[in-house]
Each structure stands twice: as structure tokens, then as C-alpha cells.
Amino acid sequence: MSHSEIQEVIKKYAKAYSEFQDWQDSHPAIPGGDQKTGCIGEYYAYIYLLYSYPDAELKYGTHSEKGWDIELTNGISKTRIQVKTVSQFSKTRTISPIHKGWDVLYLLYLNKELYPIGFWIIEDAEIFGEREKLTSRKCPIPGKLNTGSKDIPFGENLIEPLENAISSF
């Protein structure tokens, strides 16, 4: 690959990045932020929540909020969801630090087209033990057993319900 080809790819990426930023600035379903893979994962989680809880109110946390990303209010009940996203572009499948403060943890695994192929819901916050955050944890590879960190109870890949939610919008 030549330098001119690399520079052309950078220009294409910048154009797509800019378009995505415009959508972030104008559509409430896409959170703000610079980490686009994470923002895309949060968008898919938001769609899942809209589909699963059509009468609930959804609100994104602020950028300084480390323990949760989306707050779901359903009547008088509030649920805070932390969303972690890993893509096939990641050679290590390392999940960014998981902080305390959530009621439910969503983990998404995106293919190279940035479309979900893995979706896990973790409700056991006891995984922290005495720690404030978990670091260096690995995302499972969809369809391959025992490929995620052993101390996180990933359970079943819930990709089908997520795909149903995505296709309904």
C-alpha cells in the first residue's frame, strides 16, 4: 500500500467520521463521544431498550459518568445500564474497564461492518468482589465456547433478540 493510498483511506475515514459526528449531534438515539465503536454499541443497546421497553424513558449518562451509560425509567423503577463494545478489529478482544455503578451490563461484539454478532446481558454485579473496576477482561467470540473471561457470567448470546430490535426500526 502506498502513502497516497493510505492518505486516501484516511480521507474516507474522516468523511465517515464527520458524517457520524453529524448524526451524533442531531439524533437522540446516538450518544456523543469520540470513541465511535463504543457510541455505535450504545446506539444498538438504545435500540434494544426502545424495542424491549416501548413505554420507558431512556437517558444517556454524562461523559463523566463511569458506572453506567443509559438510564431506563419504567414507571417508578430506574435501571442503569453500562454498555461495553468490542469489535472484530480488536486483536485482543479486551473490554474497556468495567466500573461499578450499573444494574445491568450489556456487552456487544461487532463484526468488521460494525454490526452486532454478539450480545450478552450480565446482571450479576457481584463479579467485582472488593474491586471498584474490572480491567483486562476478554470478550467472548460468538459461537466459540470458553473464549471470554472466566469471572464474567456471559451466559447465552442474545443476538437474535437484538437483531429483532434492530430490524424493527
Protein backbone atom coordinates (compact mmCIF):
# COMPACT_ATOMS: atom_id res chain seq x y z
CA MET A 1 0.00 0.00 0.00
CA SER A 2 1.42 3.37 -0.99
CA HIS A 3 1.36 6.55 1.06
CA SER A 4 -1.15 8.10 -1.31
CA GLU A 5 -3.46 5.09 -0.79
CA ILE A 6 -3.08 5.39 2.98
CA GLN A 7 -3.88 9.09 2.80
CA GLU A 8 -6.94 8.33 0.65
CA VAL A 9 -8.21 5.82 3.23
CA ILE A 10 -7.65 8.42 5.97
CA LYS A 11 -9.73 10.92 3.98
CA LYS A 12 -12.55 8.36 3.57
CA TYR A 13 -12.43 7.59 7.27
CA ALA A 14 -12.51 11.31 8.10
CA LYS A 15 -15.57 11.76 5.88
CA ALA A 16 -17.39 8.84 7.51
CA TYR A 17 -16.29 10.05 10.96
CA SER A 18 -17.63 13.52 10.19
CA GLU A 19 -20.95 12.14 8.96
CA PHE A 20 -21.25 10.02 12.07
CA GLN A 21 -20.49 13.07 14.23
CA ASP A 22 -23.27 15.00 12.47
CA TRP A 23 -25.70 12.20 13.36
CA GLN A 24 -24.46 12.18 16.95
CA ASP A 25 -25.12 15.90 17.16
CA SER A 26 -28.63 15.66 15.73
CA HIS A 27 -30.20 12.33 16.79
CA PRO A 28 -31.04 11.48 20.42
CA ALA A 29 -30.53 7.72 19.91
CA ILE A 30 -26.79 8.15 19.30
CA PRO A 31 -24.70 9.33 22.26
CA GLY A 32 -21.98 11.92 21.93
CA GLY A 33 -18.36 10.95 22.24
CA ASP A 34 -15.15 10.35 20.40
CA GLN A 35 -14.92 6.58 20.73
CA LYS A 36 -17.09 5.70 17.74
CA THR A 37 -17.13 1.92 18.30
CA GLY A 38 -18.46 2.49 21.82
CA CYS A 39 -21.01 5.00 20.55
CA ILE A 40 -22.20 2.52 17.94
CA GLY A 41 -22.56 -0.17 20.61
CA GLU A 42 -24.52 2.22 22.82
CA TYR A 43 -26.79 3.01 19.87
CA TYR A 44 -27.59 -0.69 19.38
CA ALA A 45 -28.23 -1.03 23.13
CA TYR A 46 -30.53 2.01 22.98
CA ILE A 47 -32.47 0.44 20.09
CA TYR A 48 -32.78 -2.80 22.06
CA LEU A 49 -34.13 -0.90 25.06
CA LEU A 50 -36.59 1.10 22.92
CA TYR A 51 -37.87 -2.16 21.46
CA SER A 52 -37.97 -4.06 24.76
CA TYR A 53 -39.43 -1.23 26.88
CA PRO A 54 -41.50 0.92 24.49
CA ASP A 55 -43.12 2.94 27.28
CA ALA A 56 -39.93 3.61 29.22
CA GLU A 57 -37.89 6.79 29.24
CA LEU A 58 -34.24 6.45 28.18
CA LYS A 59 -31.48 8.87 29.08
CA TYR A 60 -27.76 8.77 28.36
CA GLY A 61 -25.37 9.44 31.22
CA THR A 62 -22.84 12.24 31.03
CA HIS A 63 -19.29 11.68 29.81
CA SER A 64 -18.01 11.88 33.38
CA GLU A 65 -20.32 9.04 34.47
CA LYS A 66 -18.18 5.90 34.55
CA GLY A 67 -20.60 3.40 36.12
CA TRP A 68 -23.42 3.50 33.59
CA ASP A 69 -24.25 4.72 30.09
CA ILE A 70 -28.05 4.57 29.75
CA GLU A 71 -30.69 5.03 32.41
CA LEU A 72 -34.05 3.37 31.80
CA THR A 73 -37.01 4.72 33.77
CA ASN A 74 -40.06 2.47 33.65
CA GLY A 75 -42.73 3.90 35.92
CA ILE A 76 -41.02 4.43 39.28
CA SER A 77 -38.29 1.89 38.54
CA LYS A 78 -34.85 3.04 37.32
CA THR A 79 -32.27 0.73 35.79
CA ARG A 80 -28.76 1.84 34.92
CA ILE A 81 -27.08 0.03 32.06
CA GLN A 82 -23.38 0.05 31.30
CA VAL A 83 -22.58 -0.80 27.66
CA LYS A 84 -19.26 -2.25 26.57
CA THR A 85 -18.44 -2.81 22.92
CA VAL A 86 -15.65 -4.77 21.27
CA SER A 87 -15.23 -5.18 17.52
CA GLN A 88 -13.61 -7.82 15.34
CA PHE A 89 -10.95 -5.20 14.61
CA SER A 90 -9.63 -5.76 18.14
CA LYS A 91 -6.91 -8.40 18.07
CA THR A 92 -7.10 -8.91 21.86
CA ARG A 93 -10.90 -8.62 22.42
CA THR A 94 -10.10 -6.65 25.60
CA ILE A 95 -13.12 -4.93 27.14
CA SER A 96 -12.55 -1.36 28.36
CA PRO A 97 -12.60 -1.07 32.18
CA ILE A 98 -15.91 -2.11 33.72
CA HIS A 99 -16.77 0.24 36.60
CA LYS A 100 -19.19 -0.29 39.47
CA GLY A 101 -22.46 1.64 39.37
CA TRP A 102 -24.59 -0.36 36.92
CA ASP A 103 -27.62 -2.56 37.46
CA VAL A 104 -27.19 -4.36 34.15
CA LEU A 105 -24.15 -4.72 31.90
CA TYR A 106 -24.58 -5.09 28.13
CA LEU A 107 -21.66 -6.42 26.13
CA LEU A 108 -21.74 -6.18 22.34
CA TYR A 109 -19.37 -7.75 19.85
CA LEU A 110 -19.40 -6.09 16.41
CA ASN A 111 -18.17 -7.57 13.15
CA LYS A 112 -15.94 -5.62 10.77
CA GLU A 113 -19.03 -3.93 9.30
CA LEU A 114 -19.71 -2.71 12.88
CA TYR A 115 -22.89 -4.80 13.07
CA PRO A 116 -23.57 -6.85 16.22
CA ILE A 117 -22.88 -10.58 16.13
CA GLY A 118 -22.63 -10.99 19.90
CA PHE A 119 -24.85 -9.61 22.67
CA TRP A 120 -24.68 -10.61 26.31
CA ILE A 121 -26.59 -9.25 29.29
CA ILE A 122 -24.94 -9.57 32.69
CA GLU A 123 -27.00 -8.81 35.80
CA ASP A 124 -24.62 -10.06 38.48
CA ALA A 125 -22.71 -7.06 39.85
CA GLU A 126 -21.10 -9.37 42.41
CA ILE A 127 -18.41 -10.02 39.79
CA PHE A 128 -16.48 -7.08 41.28
CA GLY A 129 -15.84 -8.59 44.68
CA GLU A 130 -13.99 -5.83 46.59
CA ARG A 131 -12.74 -4.09 43.42
CA GLU A 132 -14.09 -0.79 42.07
CA LYS A 133 -13.49 -1.80 38.46
CA LEU A 134 -12.55 -4.78 36.34
CA THR A 135 -9.75 -4.42 33.81
CA SER A 136 -8.19 -6.60 31.11
CA ARG A 137 -11.31 -8.74 30.69
CA LYS A 138 -11.87 -10.53 27.37
CA CYS A 139 -15.00 -10.54 25.27
CA PRO A 140 -16.19 -13.96 24.10
CA ILE A 141 -16.00 -14.87 20.43
CA PRO A 142 -19.57 -15.56 19.28
CA GLY A 143 -20.05 -19.27 18.66
CA LYS A 144 -16.84 -20.28 20.46
CA LEU A 145 -17.30 -21.55 23.99
CA ASN A 146 -14.99 -20.55 26.83
CA THR A 147 -13.37 -17.65 24.96
CA GLY A 148 -14.40 -14.84 27.32
CA SER A 149 -13.01 -14.05 30.77
CA LYS A 150 -13.99 -16.80 33.18
CA ASP A 151 -15.05 -14.47 36.02
CA ILE A 152 -17.85 -12.86 33.99
CA PRO A 153 -21.07 -14.91 33.65
CA PHE A 154 -21.71 -14.16 29.97
CA GLY A 155 -24.40 -16.80 29.51
CA GLU A 156 -26.26 -17.13 26.21
CA ASN A 157 -25.51 -14.94 23.20
CA LEU A 158 -28.74 -12.93 22.86
CA ILE A 159 -28.03 -11.76 19.32
CA GLU A 160 -31.42 -12.86 17.97
CA PRO A 161 -33.48 -10.57 20.25
CA LEU A 162 -31.08 -7.71 19.44
CA GLU A 163 -31.41 -8.35 15.70
CA ASN A 164 -35.21 -8.36 16.09
CA ALA A 165 -34.99 -4.96 17.79
CA ILE A 166 -32.70 -3.54 15.09
CA SER A 167 -34.86 -4.80 12.24
CA SER A 168 -37.98 -3.26 13.80
CA PHE A 169 -36.66 0.29 13.34
